[in-house]
Amino acid sequence: MDTPVGKIRCSMGKGDQGVVFMRKRSAWTAAEDDILKNYVKIHGAHQWKEVEKMTGLKRSGKSCWLRWKDHLQPGLNKAKLSEEEKELINRLQAQYGNKWSTIASQMK
């Protein structure tokens, strides 16, 4: 598909009835983010395979889950790390190695 910005990459998917459909593989738009936020507000943050059917988004359930988890979920801290936080991470990494879940639990 041609857009003003360029081509949209699509991947093929198969629905429950074996019908082939196209999924978007381009950057998420603000409108898509709003649709996903509204879906989660109504239905909760689960049943990600149902998002595509119920909202009309041309995104896979996994794509919607990752977008929610990594970008839209309330309470995510996307701020840059302070110098103190960087030093703490370095100390914890020296202590625990690459056990990042343990390090993350110490950061809270």
PDB file of N, CA and C in Angstrom:
ATOM      1  N   MET A   1       0.840  -1.183   0.000  1.00  0.00           N
ATOM      2  CA  MET A   1       0.000   0.000   0.000  1.00  0.00           C
ATOM      3  C   MET A   1       0.882   1.242   0.000  1.00  0.00           C
ATOM      4  N   ASP A   2       0.506   2.228  -0.751  1.00  0.00           N
ATOM      5  CA  ASP A   2       1.243   3.483  -0.746  1.00  0.00           C
ATOM      6  C   ASP A   2       0.583   4.462   0.209  1.00  0.00           C
ATOM      7  N   THR A   3       1.402   5.138   0.971  1.00  0.00           N
ATOM      8  CA  THR A   3       0.939   6.174   1.876  1.00  0.00           C
ATOM      9  C   THR A   3       1.735   7.428   1.568  1.00  0.00           C
ATOM     10  N   PRO A   4       1.336   8.575   2.130  1.00  0.00           N
ATOM     11  CA  PRO A   4       2.122   9.787   1.897  1.00  0.00           C
ATOM     12  C   PRO A   4       3.568   9.635   2.378  1.00  0.00           C
ATOM     13  N   VAL A   5       3.777   8.807   3.393  1.00  0.00           N
ATOM     14  CA  VAL A   5       5.112   8.648   3.943  1.00  0.00           C
ATOM     15  C   VAL A   5       5.902   7.604   3.173  1.00  0.00           C
ATOM     16  N   GLY A   6       5.249   6.633   2.603  1.00  0.00           N
ATOM     17  CA  GLY A   6       5.927   5.571   1.886  1.00  0.00           C
ATOM     18  C   GLY A   6       5.070   4.328   1.853  1.00  0.00           C
ATOM     19  N   LYS A   7       5.703   3.189   1.748  1.00  0.00           N
ATOM     20  CA  LYS A   7       4.971   1.937   1.673  1.00  0.00           C
ATOM     21  C   LYS A   7       4.739   1.377   3.062  1.00  0.00           C
ATOM     22  N   ILE A   8       3.572   0.764   3.272  1.00  0.00           N
ATOM     23  CA  ILE A   8       3.259   0.074   4.517  1.00  0.00           C
ATOM     24  C   ILE A   8       3.595  -1.396   4.308  1.00  0.00           C
ATOM     25  N   ARG A   9       4.401  -1.931   5.166  1.00  0.00           N
ATOM     26  CA  ARG A   9       4.709  -3.356   5.092  1.00  0.00           C
ATOM     27  C   ARG A   9       3.585  -4.124   5.761  1.00  0.00           C
ATOM     28  N   CYS A  10       3.166  -5.199   5.148  1.00  0.00           N
ATOM     29  CA  CYS A  10       2.074  -6.004   5.690  1.00  0.00           C
ATOM     30  C   CYS A  10       2.524  -7.447   5.816  1.00  0.00           C
ATOM     31  N   SER A  11       1.926  -8.151   6.726  1.00  0.00           N
ATOM     32  CA  SER A  11       2.160  -9.582   6.835  1.00  0.00           C
ATOM     33  C   SER A  11       0.820 -10.280   6.700  1.00  0.00           C
ATOM     34  N   MET A  12       0.860 -11.505   6.273  1.00  0.00           N
ATOM     35  CA  MET A  12      -0.368 -12.266   6.077  1.00  0.00           C
ATOM     36  C   MET A  12      -0.727 -12.973   7.366  1.00  0.00           C
ATOM     37  N   GLY A  13      -1.997 -13.083   7.638  1.00  0.00           N
ATOM     38  CA  GLY A  13      -2.492 -13.826   8.784  1.00  0.00           C
ATOM     39  C   GLY A  13      -3.656 -14.677   8.347  1.00  0.00           C
ATOM     40  N   LYS A  14      -4.030 -15.630   9.159  1.00  0.00           N
ATOM     41  CA  LYS A  14      -5.176 -16.481   8.855  1.00  0.00           C
ATOM     42  C   LYS A  14      -6.171 -16.375   9.980  1.00  0.00           C
ATOM     43  N   GLY A  15      -7.402 -16.054   9.663  1.00  0.00           N
ATOM     44  CA  GLY A  15      -8.453 -15.955  10.659  1.00  0.00           C
ATOM     45  C   GLY A  15      -8.990 -17.320  11.053  1.00  0.00           C
ATOM     46  N   ASP A  16      -9.954 -17.317  11.955  1.00  0.00           N
ATOM     47  CA  ASP A  16     -10.568 -18.552  12.428  1.00  0.00           C
ATOM     48  C   ASP A  16     -11.190 -19.347  11.290  1.00  0.00           C
ATOM     49  N   GLN A  17     -11.706 -18.681  10.297  1.00  0.00           N
ATOM     50  CA  GLN A  17     -12.394 -19.356   9.192  1.00  0.00           C
ATOM     51  C   GLN A  17     -11.434 -19.674   8.052  1.00  0.00           C
ATOM     52  N   GLY A  18     -10.143 -19.485   8.267  1.00  0.00           N
ATOM     53  CA  GLY A  18      -9.179 -19.748   7.208  1.00  0.00           C
ATOM     54  C   GLY A  18      -9.089 -18.623   6.194  1.00  0.00           C
ATOM     55  N   VAL A  19      -9.693 -17.487   6.490  1.00  0.00           N
ATOM     56  CA  VAL A  19      -9.668 -16.348   5.585  1.00  0.00           C
ATOM     57  C   VAL A  19      -8.347 -15.617   5.772  1.00  0.00           C
ATOM     58  N   VAL A  20      -7.697 -15.330   4.665  1.00  0.00           N
ATOM     59  CA  VAL A  20      -6.414 -14.636   4.727  1.00  0.00           C
ATOM     60  C   VAL A  20      -6.678 -13.135   4.801  1.00  0.00           C
ATOM     61  N   PHE A  21      -5.957 -12.445   5.675  1.00  0.00           N
ATOM     62  CA  PHE A  21      -6.112 -11.006   5.811  1.00  0.00           C
ATOM     63  C   PHE A  21      -4.741 -10.379   6.008  1.00  0.00           C
ATOM     64  N   MET A  22      -4.681  -9.088   5.829  1.00  0.00           N
ATOM     65  CA  MET A  22      -3.408  -8.369   5.938  1.00  0.00           C
ATOM     66  C   MET A  22      -3.307  -7.692   7.297  1.00  0.00           C
ATOM     67  N   ARG A  23      -2.116  -7.738   7.852  1.00  0.00           N
ATOM     68  CA  ARG A  23      -1.830  -7.027   9.099  1.00  0.00           C
ATOM     69  C   ARG A  23      -0.797  -5.946   8.812  1.00  0.00           C
ATOM     70  N   LYS A  24      -0.966  -4.823   9.482  1.00  0.00           N
ATOM     71  CA  LYS A  24      -0.015  -3.721   9.318  1.00  0.00           C
ATOM     72  C   LYS A  24       1.280  -4.033  10.039  1.00  0.00           C
ATOM     73  N   ARG A  25       2.382  -3.571   9.488  1.00  0.00           N
ATOM     74  CA  ARG A  25       3.673  -3.696  10.134  1.00  0.00           C
ATOM     75  C   ARG A  25       4.381  -2.343  10.159  1.00  0.00           C
ATOM     76  N   SER A  26       3.606  -1.287  10.148  1.00  0.00           N
ATOM     77  CA  SER A  26       4.187   0.059  10.185  1.00  0.00           C
ATOM     78  C   SER A  26       4.106   0.600  11.607  1.00  0.00           C
ATOM     79  N   ALA A  27       4.584   1.798  11.794  1.00  0.00           N
ATOM     80  CA  ALA A  27       4.557   2.433  13.111  1.00  0.00           C
ATOM     81  C   ALA A  27       3.115   2.610  13.579  1.00  0.00           C
ATOM     82  N   TRP A  28       2.912   2.509  14.884  1.00  0.00           N
ATOM     83  CA  TRP A  28       1.582   2.701  15.469  1.00  0.00           C
ATOM     84  C   TRP A  28       1.199   4.174  15.372  1.00  0.00           C
ATOM     85  N   THR A  29      -0.074   4.416  15.097  1.00  0.00           N
ATOM     86  CA  THR A  29      -0.584   5.785  15.042  1.00  0.00           C
ATOM     87  C   THR A  29      -1.261   6.128  16.368  1.00  0.00           C
ATOM     88  N   ALA A  30      -1.482   7.411  16.585  1.00  0.00           N
ATOM     89  CA  ALA A  30      -2.178   7.847  17.800  1.00  0.00           C
ATOM     90  C   ALA A  30      -3.604   7.301  17.829  1.00  0.00           C
ATOM     91  N   ALA A  31      -4.251   7.214  16.671  1.00  0.00           N
ATOM     92  CA  ALA A  31      -5.618   6.677  16.612  1.00  0.00           C
ATOM     93  C   ALA A  31      -5.628   5.205  17.027  1.00  0.00           C
ATOM     94  N   GLU A  32      -4.642   4.430  16.563  1.00  0.00           N
ATOM     95  CA  GLU A  32      -4.558   3.016  16.955  1.00  0.00           C
ATOM     96  C   GLU A  32      -4.297   2.885  18.451  1.00  0.00           C
ATOM     97  N   ASP A  33      -3.440   3.751  18.985  1.00  0.00           N
ATOM     98  CA  ASP A  33      -3.180   3.743  20.434  1.00  0.00           C
ATOM     99  C   ASP A  33      -4.468   3.998  21.208  1.00  0.00           C
ATOM    100  N   ASP A  34      -5.268   4.955  20.745  1.00  0.00           N
ATOM    101  CA  ASP A  34      -6.534   5.268  21.415  1.00  0.00           C
ATOM    102  C   ASP A  34      -7.494   4.084  21.376  1.00  0.00           C
ATOM    103  N   ILE A  35      -7.565   3.414  20.230  1.00  0.00           N
ATOM    104  CA  ILE A  35      -8.431   2.234  20.102  1.00  0.00           C
ATOM    105  C   ILE A  35      -7.990   1.159  21.081  1.00  0.00           C
ATOM    106  N   LEU A  36      -6.680   0.922  21.165  1.00  0.00           N
ATOM    107  CA  LEU A  36      -6.164  -0.104  22.073  1.00  0.00           C
ATOM    108  C   LEU A  36      -6.409   0.275  23.534  1.00  0.00           C
ATOM    109  N   LYS A  37      -6.202   1.534  23.880  1.00  0.00           N
ATOM    110  CA  LYS A  37      -6.463   1.984  25.257  1.00  0.00           C
ATOM    111  C   LYS A  37      -7.933   1.792  25.628  1.00  0.00           C
ATOM    112  N   ASN A  38      -8.834   2.136  24.725  1.00  0.00           N
ATOM    113  CA  ASN A  38     -10.266   1.973  24.981  1.00  0.00           C
ATOM    114  C   ASN A  38     -10.634   0.505  25.134  1.00  0.00           C
ATOM    115  N   TYR A  39     -10.045  -0.351  24.314  1.00  0.00           N
ATOM    116  CA  TYR A  39     -10.302  -1.798  24.423  1.00  0.00           C
ATOM    117  C   TYR A  39      -9.889  -2.299  25.809  1.00  0.00           C
ATOM    118  N   VAL A  40      -8.703  -1.905  26.245  1.00  0.00           N
ATOM    119  CA  VAL A  40      -8.201  -2.366  27.549  1.00  0.00           C
ATOM    120  C   VAL A  40      -9.054  -1.798  28.678  1.00  0.00           C
ATOM    121  N   LYS A  41      -9.514  -0.561  28.542  1.00  0.00           N
ATOM    122  CA  LYS A  41     -10.366   0.037  29.572  1.00  0.00           C
ATOM    123  C   LYS A  41     -11.661  -0.761  29.744  1.00  0.00           C
ATOM    124  N   ILE A  42     -12.214  -1.224  28.637  1.00  0.00           N
ATOM    125  CA  ILE A  42     -13.481  -1.958  28.676  1.00  0.00           C
ATOM    126  C   ILE A  42     -13.293  -3.428  29.023  1.00  0.00           C
ATOM    127  N   HIS A  43     -12.315  -4.079  28.404  1.00  0.00           N
ATOM    128  CA  HIS A  43     -12.178  -5.537  28.502  1.00  0.00           C
ATOM    129  C   HIS A  43     -11.038  -6.004  29.399  1.00  0.00           C
ATOM    130  N   GLY A  44     -10.182  -5.094  29.818  1.00  0.00           N
ATOM    131  CA  GLY A  44      -9.032  -5.484  30.630  1.00  0.00           C
ATOM    132  C   GLY A  44      -7.842  -5.867  29.756  1.00  0.00           C
ATOM    133  N   ALA A  45      -6.697  -6.008  30.407  1.00  0.00           N
ATOM    134  CA  ALA A  45      -5.438  -6.277  29.695  1.00  0.00           C
ATOM    135  C   ALA A  45      -5.205  -7.780  29.581  1.00  0.00           C
ATOM    136  N   HIS A  46      -6.085  -8.446  28.862  1.00  0.00           N
ATOM    137  CA  HIS A  46      -5.946  -9.877  28.609  1.00  0.00           C
ATOM    138  C   HIS A  46      -6.717 -10.215  27.342  1.00  0.00           C
ATOM    139  N   GLN A  47      -6.720 -11.440  26.925  1.00  0.00           N
ATOM    140  CA  GLN A  47      -7.374 -11.893  25.694  1.00  0.00           C
ATOM    141  C   GLN A  47      -6.906 -11.083  24.487  1.00  0.00           C
ATOM    142  N   TRP A  48      -5.600 -11.032  24.309  1.00  0.00           N
ATOM    143  CA  TRP A  48      -5.030 -10.199  23.264  1.00  0.00           C
ATOM    144  C   TRP A  48      -5.392 -10.678  21.866  1.00  0.00           C
ATOM    145  N   LYS A  49      -5.676 -11.966  21.698  1.00  0.00           N
ATOM    146  CA  LYS A  49      -6.064 -12.466  20.379  1.00  0.00           C
ATOM    147  C   LYS A  49      -7.411 -11.896  19.935  1.00  0.00           C
ATOM    148  N   GLU A  50      -8.233 -11.465  20.880  1.00  0.00           N
ATOM    149  CA  GLU A  50      -9.551 -10.934  20.564  1.00  0.00           C
ATOM    150  C   GLU A  50      -9.513  -9.470  20.122  1.00  0.00           C
ATOM    151  N   VAL A  51      -8.413  -8.788  20.370  1.00  0.00           N
ATOM    152  CA  VAL A  51      -8.339  -7.352  20.069  1.00  0.00           C
ATOM    153  C   VAL A  51      -8.605  -7.087  18.595  1.00  0.00           C
ATOM    154  N   GLU A  52      -7.973  -7.857  17.746  1.00  0.00           N
ATOM    155  CA  GLU A  52      -8.116  -7.627  16.303  1.00  0.00           C
ATOM    156  C   GLU A  52      -9.570  -7.803  15.861  1.00  0.00           C
ATOM    157  N   LYS A  53     -10.230  -8.844  16.365  1.00  0.00           N
ATOM    158  CA  LYS A  53     -11.625  -9.098  15.985  1.00  0.00           C
ATOM    159  C   LYS A  53     -12.564  -8.026  16.519  1.00  0.00           C
ATOM    160  N   MET A  54     -12.344  -7.623  17.760  1.00  0.00           N
ATOM    161  CA  MET A  54     -13.297  -6.738  18.423  1.00  0.00           C
ATOM    162  C   MET A  54     -13.099  -5.257  18.087  1.00  0.00           C
ATOM    163  N   THR A  55     -11.895  -4.877  17.660  1.00  0.00           N
ATOM    164  CA  THR A  55     -11.622  -3.459  17.423  1.00  0.00           C
ATOM    165  C   THR A  55     -11.437  -3.108  15.949  1.00  0.00           C
ATOM    166  N   GLY A  56     -11.131  -4.100  15.140  1.00  0.00           N
ATOM    167  CA  GLY A  56     -10.851  -3.821  13.736  1.00  0.00           C
ATOM    168  C   GLY A  56      -9.413  -3.411  13.477  1.00  0.00           C
ATOM    169  N   LEU A  57      -8.586  -3.391  14.519  1.00  0.00           N
ATOM    170  CA  LEU A  57      -7.171  -3.095  14.308  1.00  0.00           C
ATOM    171  C   LEU A  57      -6.555  -4.195  13.452  1.00  0.00           C
ATOM    172  N   LYS A  58      -5.724  -3.835  12.529  1.00  0.00           N
ATOM    173  CA  LYS A  58      -5.041  -4.816  11.691  1.00  0.00           C
ATOM    174  C   LYS A  58      -3.678  -5.148  12.314  1.00  0.00           C
ATOM    175  N   ARG A  59      -3.717  -5.506  13.589  1.00  0.00           N
ATOM    176  CA  ARG A  59      -2.509  -5.858  14.345  1.00  0.00           C
ATOM    177  C   ARG A  59      -2.728  -7.207  15.012  1.00  0.00           C
ATOM    178  N   SER A  60      -1.664  -7.970  15.154  1.00  0.00           N
ATOM    179  CA  SER A  60      -1.786  -9.264  15.828  1.00  0.00           C
ATOM    180  C   SER A  60      -1.973  -9.042  17.329  1.00  0.00           C
ATOM    181  N   GLY A  61      -2.470 -10.072  17.994  1.00  0.00           N
ATOM    182  CA  GLY A  61      -2.622  -9.999  19.443  1.00  0.00           C
ATOM    183  C   GLY A  61      -1.297  -9.743  20.128  1.00  0.00           C
ATOM    184  N   LYS A  62      -0.234 -10.386  19.628  1.00  0.00           N
ATOM    185  CA  LYS A  62       1.085 -10.192  20.221  1.00  0.00           C
ATOM    186  C   LYS A  62       1.556  -8.751  20.055  1.00  0.00           C
ATOM    187  N   SER A  63       1.312  -8.184  18.883  1.00  0.00           N
ATOM    188  CA  SER A  63       1.702  -6.799  18.633  1.00  0.00           C
ATOM    189  C   SER A  63       0.966  -5.854  19.577  1.00  0.00           C
ATOM    190  N   CYS A  64      -0.335  -6.106  19.793  1.00  0.00           N
ATOM    191  CA  CYS A  64      -1.127  -5.262  20.701  1.00  0.00           C
ATOM    192  C   CYS A  64      -0.626  -5.411  22.136  1.00  0.00           C
ATOM    193  N   TRP A  65      -0.340  -6.638  22.543  1.00  0.00           N
ATOM    194  CA  TRP A  65       0.161  -6.883  23.897  1.00  0.00           C
ATOM    195  C   TRP A  65       1.486  -6.168  24.120  1.00  0.00           C
ATOM    196  N   LEU A  66       2.395  -6.262  23.153  1.00  0.00           N
ATOM    197  CA  LEU A  66       3.693  -5.598  23.289  1.00  0.00           C
ATOM    198  C   LEU A  66       3.543  -4.081  23.318  1.00  0.00           C
ATOM    199  N   ARG A  67       2.649  -3.539  22.495  1.00  0.00           N
ATOM    200  CA  ARG A  67       2.429  -2.092  22.490  1.00  0.00           C
ATOM    201  C   ARG A  67       1.905  -1.633  23.851  1.00  0.00           C
ATOM    202  N   TRP A  68       0.962  -2.405  24.406  1.00  0.00           N
ATOM    203  CA  TRP A  68       0.408  -2.073  25.714  1.00  0.00           C
ATOM    204  C   TRP A  68       1.492  -2.163  26.783  1.00  0.00           C
ATOM    205  N   LYS A  69       2.195  -3.270  26.818  1.00  0.00           N
ATOM    206  CA  LYS A  69       3.185  -3.543  27.857  1.00  0.00           C
ATOM    207  C   LYS A  69       4.351  -2.552  27.817  1.00  0.00           C
ATOM    208  N   ASP A  70       4.804  -2.211  26.618  1.00  0.00           N
ATOM    209  CA  ASP A  70       6.018  -1.404  26.490  1.00  0.00           C
ATOM    210  C   ASP A  70       5.785   0.097  26.340  1.00  0.00           C
ATOM    211  N   HIS A  71       4.552   0.511  25.968  1.00  0.00           N
ATOM    212  CA  HIS A  71       4.350   1.937  25.674  1.00  0.00           C
ATOM    213  C   HIS A  71       3.124   2.576  26.311  1.00  0.00           C
ATOM    214  N   LEU A  72       2.034   1.830  26.446  1.00  0.00           N
ATOM    215  CA  LEU A  72       0.769   2.463  26.821  1.00  0.00           C
ATOM    216  C   LEU A  72       0.318   2.192  28.246  1.00  0.00           C
ATOM    217  N   GLN A  73       0.840   1.164  28.866  1.00  0.00           N
ATOM    218  CA  GLN A  73       0.388   0.772  30.201  1.00  0.00           C
ATOM    219  C   GLN A  73       0.597   1.914  31.197  1.00  0.00           C
ATOM    220  N   PRO A  74      -0.449   2.263  31.964  1.00  0.00           N
ATOM    221  CA  PRO A  74      -0.283   3.329  32.953  1.00  0.00           C
ATOM    222  C   PRO A  74       0.783   2.953  33.981  1.00  0.00           C
ATOM    223  N   GLY A  75       1.525   3.948  34.427  1.00  0.00           N
ATOM    224  CA  GLY A  75       2.537   3.713  35.449  1.00  0.00           C
ATOM    225  C   GLY A  75       3.917   3.396  34.898  1.00  0.00           C
ATOM    226  N   LEU A  76       4.057   3.330  33.579  1.00  0.00           N
ATOM    227  CA  LEU A  76       5.383   3.090  33.012  1.00  0.00           C
ATOM    228  C   LEU A  76       6.234   4.346  33.194  1.00  0.00           C
ATOM    229  N   ASN A  77       7.453   4.156  33.618  1.00  0.00           N
ATOM    230  CA  ASN A  77       8.373   5.275  33.791  1.00  0.00           C
ATOM    231  C   ASN A  77       9.315   5.282  32.601  1.00  0.00           C
ATOM    232  N   LYS A  78       9.136   6.231  31.699  1.00  0.00           N
ATOM    233  CA  LYS A  78       9.953   6.321  30.497  1.00  0.00           C
ATOM    234  C   LYS A  78      11.013   7.434  30.605  1.00  0.00           C
ATOM    235  N   ALA A  79      11.180   7.968  31.817  1.00  0.00           N
ATOM    236  CA  ALA A  79      12.140   9.057  32.012  1.00  0.00           C
ATOM    237  C   ALA A  79      13.569   8.514  31.935  1.00  0.00           C
ATOM    238  N   LYS A  80      14.494   9.392  31.638  1.00  0.00           N
ATOM    239  CA  LYS A  80      15.901   9.005  31.606  1.00  0.00           C
ATOM    240  C   LYS A  80      16.371   8.709  33.025  1.00  0.00           C
ATOM    241  N   LEU A  81      17.340   7.815  33.131  1.00  0.00           N
ATOM    242  CA  LEU A  81      17.883   7.460  34.437  1.00  0.00           C
ATOM    243  C   LEU A  81      18.777   8.579  34.967  1.00  0.00           C
ATOM    244  N   SER A  82      18.686   8.821  36.261  1.00  0.00           N
ATOM    245  CA  SER A  82      19.570   9.805  36.886  1.00  0.00           C
ATOM    246  C   SER A  82      20.942   9.153  37.089  1.00  0.00           C
ATOM    247  N   GLU A  83      21.924   9.967  37.421  1.00  0.00           N
ATOM    248  CA  GLU A  83      23.268   9.436  37.679  1.00  0.00           C
ATOM    249  C   GLU A  83      23.260   8.470  38.866  1.00  0.00           C
ATOM    250  N   GLU A  84      22.453   8.778  39.896  1.00  0.00           N
ATOM    251  CA  GLU A  84      22.365   7.904  41.066  1.00  0.00           C
ATOM    252  C   GLU A  84      21.786   6.540  40.676  1.00  0.00           C
ATOM    253  N   GLU A  85      20.760   6.561  39.822  1.00  0.00           N
ATOM    254  CA  GLU A  85      20.152   5.310  39.368  1.00  0.00           C
ATOM    255  C   GLU A  85      21.132   4.492  38.524  1.00  0.00           C
ATOM    256  N   LYS A  86      21.894   5.168  37.677  1.00  0.00           N
ATOM    257  CA  LYS A  86      22.895   4.467  36.868  1.00  0.00           C
ATOM    258  C   LYS A  86      23.958   3.811  37.754  1.00  0.00           C
ATOM    259  N   GLU A  87      24.399   4.542  38.789  1.00  0.00           N
ATOM    260  CA  GLU A  87      25.395   3.982  39.713  1.00  0.00           C
ATOM    261  C   GLU A  87      24.822   2.789  40.470  1.00  0.00           C
ATOM    262  N   LEU A  88      23.556   2.886  40.894  1.00  0.00           N
ATOM    263  CA  LEU A  88      22.912   1.780  41.593  1.00  0.00           C
ATOM    264  C   LEU A  88      22.821   0.555  40.686  1.00  0.00           C
ATOM    265  N   ILE A  89      22.447   0.754  39.432  1.00  0.00           N
ATOM    266  CA  ILE A  89      22.373  -0.361  38.490  1.00  0.00           C
ATOM    267  C   ILE A  89      23.740  -1.007  38.318  1.00  0.00           C
ATOM    268  N   ASN A  90      24.763  -0.208  38.191  1.00  0.00           N
ATOM    269  CA  ASN A  90      26.117  -0.760  38.034  1.00  0.00           C
ATOM    270  C   ASN A  90      26.535  -1.562  39.259  1.00  0.00           C
ATOM    271  N   ARG A  91      26.223  -1.041  40.464  1.00  0.00           N
ATOM    272  CA  ARG A  91      26.557  -1.784  41.696  1.00  0.00           C
ATOM    273  C   ARG A  91      25.794  -3.094  41.775  1.00  0.00           C
ATOM    274  N   LEU A  92      24.489  -3.036  41.473  1.00  0.00           N
ATOM    275  CA  LEU A  92      23.671  -4.248  41.535  1.00  0.00           C
ATOM    276  C   LEU A  92      24.090  -5.261  40.475  1.00  0.00           C
ATOM    277  N   GLN A  93      24.464  -4.776  39.304  1.00  0.00           N
ATOM    278  CA  GLN A  93      24.899  -5.687  38.250  1.00  0.00           C
ATOM    279  C   GLN A  93      26.222  -6.356  38.626  1.00  0.00           C
ATOM    280  N   ALA A  94      27.096  -5.616  39.303  1.00  0.00           N
ATOM    281  CA  ALA A  94      28.346  -6.220  39.786  1.00  0.00           C
ATOM    282  C   ALA A  94      28.051  -7.261  40.856  1.00  0.00           C
ATOM    283  N   GLN A  95      27.018  -7.017  41.671  1.00  0.00           N
ATOM    284  CA  GLN A  95      26.659  -7.939  42.750  1.00  0.00           C
ATOM    285  C   GLN A  95      25.917  -9.170  42.236  1.00  0.00           C
ATOM    286  N   TYR A  96      24.922  -8.966  41.360  1.00  0.00           N
ATOM    287  CA  TYR A  96      24.045 -10.060  40.926  1.00  0.00           C
ATOM    288  C   TYR A  96      24.365 -10.602  39.540  1.00  0.00           C
ATOM    289  N   GLY A  97      25.274  -9.971  38.820  1.00  0.00           N
ATOM    290  CA  GLY A  97      25.526 -10.396  37.447  1.00  0.00           C
ATOM    291  C   GLY A  97      24.385  -9.953  36.546  1.00  0.00           C
ATOM    292  N   ASN A  98      24.016 -10.787  35.598  1.00  0.00           N
ATOM    293  CA  ASN A  98      22.971 -10.427  34.642  1.00  0.00           C
ATOM    294  C   ASN A  98      21.594 -10.936  35.057  1.00  0.00           C
ATOM    295  N   LYS A  99      21.314 -10.965  36.321  1.00  0.00           N
ATOM    296  CA  LYS A  99      19.992 -11.338  36.826  1.00  0.00           C
ATOM    297  C   LYS A  99      19.140 -10.071  36.880  1.00  0.00           C
ATOM    298  N   TRP A 100      18.645  -9.682  35.711  1.00  0.00           N
ATOM    299  CA  TRP A 100      17.996  -8.382  35.572  1.00  0.00           C
ATOM    300  C   TRP A 100      16.676  -8.282  36.307  1.00  0.00           C
ATOM    301  N   SER A 101      15.967  -9.382  36.486  1.00  0.00           N
ATOM    302  CA  SER A 101      14.724  -9.294  37.230  1.00  0.00           C
ATOM    303  C   SER A 101      15.016  -8.998  38.704  1.00  0.00           C
ATOM    304  N   THR A 102      16.110  -9.550  39.226  1.00  0.00           N
ATOM    305  CA  THR A 102      16.514  -9.257  40.605  1.00  0.00           C
ATOM    306  C   THR A 102      16.932  -7.789  40.720  1.00  0.00           C
ATOM    307  N   ILE A 103      17.696  -7.317  39.752  1.00  0.00           N
ATOM    308  CA  ILE A 103      18.131  -5.918  39.748  1.00  0.00           C
ATOM    309  C   ILE A 103      16.922  -4.990  39.662  1.00  0.00           C
ATOM    310  N   ALA A 104      15.972  -5.314  38.795  1.00  0.00           N
ATOM    311  CA  ALA A 104      14.770  -4.475  38.660  1.00  0.00           C
ATOM    312  C   ALA A 104      13.974  -4.442  39.950  1.00  0.00           C
ATOM    313  N   SER A 105      13.900  -5.560  40.666  1.00  0.00           N
ATOM    314  CA  SER A 105      13.149  -5.578  41.919  1.00  0.00           C
ATOM    315  C   SER A 105      13.819  -4.698  42.975  1.00  0.00           C
ATOM    316  N   GLN A 106      15.122  -4.532  42.896  1.00  0.00           N
ATOM    317  CA  GLN A 106      15.853  -3.669  43.838  1.00  0.00           C
ATOM    318  C   GLN A 106      15.691  -2.198  43.489  1.00  0.00           C
ATOM    319  N   MET A 107      15.285  -1.908  42.263  1.00  0.00           N
ATOM    320  CA  MET A 107      15.182  -0.519  41.810  1.00  0.00           C
ATOM    321  C   MET A 107      13.893   0.145  42.289  1.00  0.00           C
ATOM    322  N   LYS A 108      12.901  -0.605  42.691  1.00  0.00           N
ATOM    323  CA  LYS A 108      11.600  -0.034  43.029  1.00  0.00           C
ATOM    324  C   LYS A 108      11.621   0.718  44.329  1.00  0.00           C
TER     325      LYS A 108
END
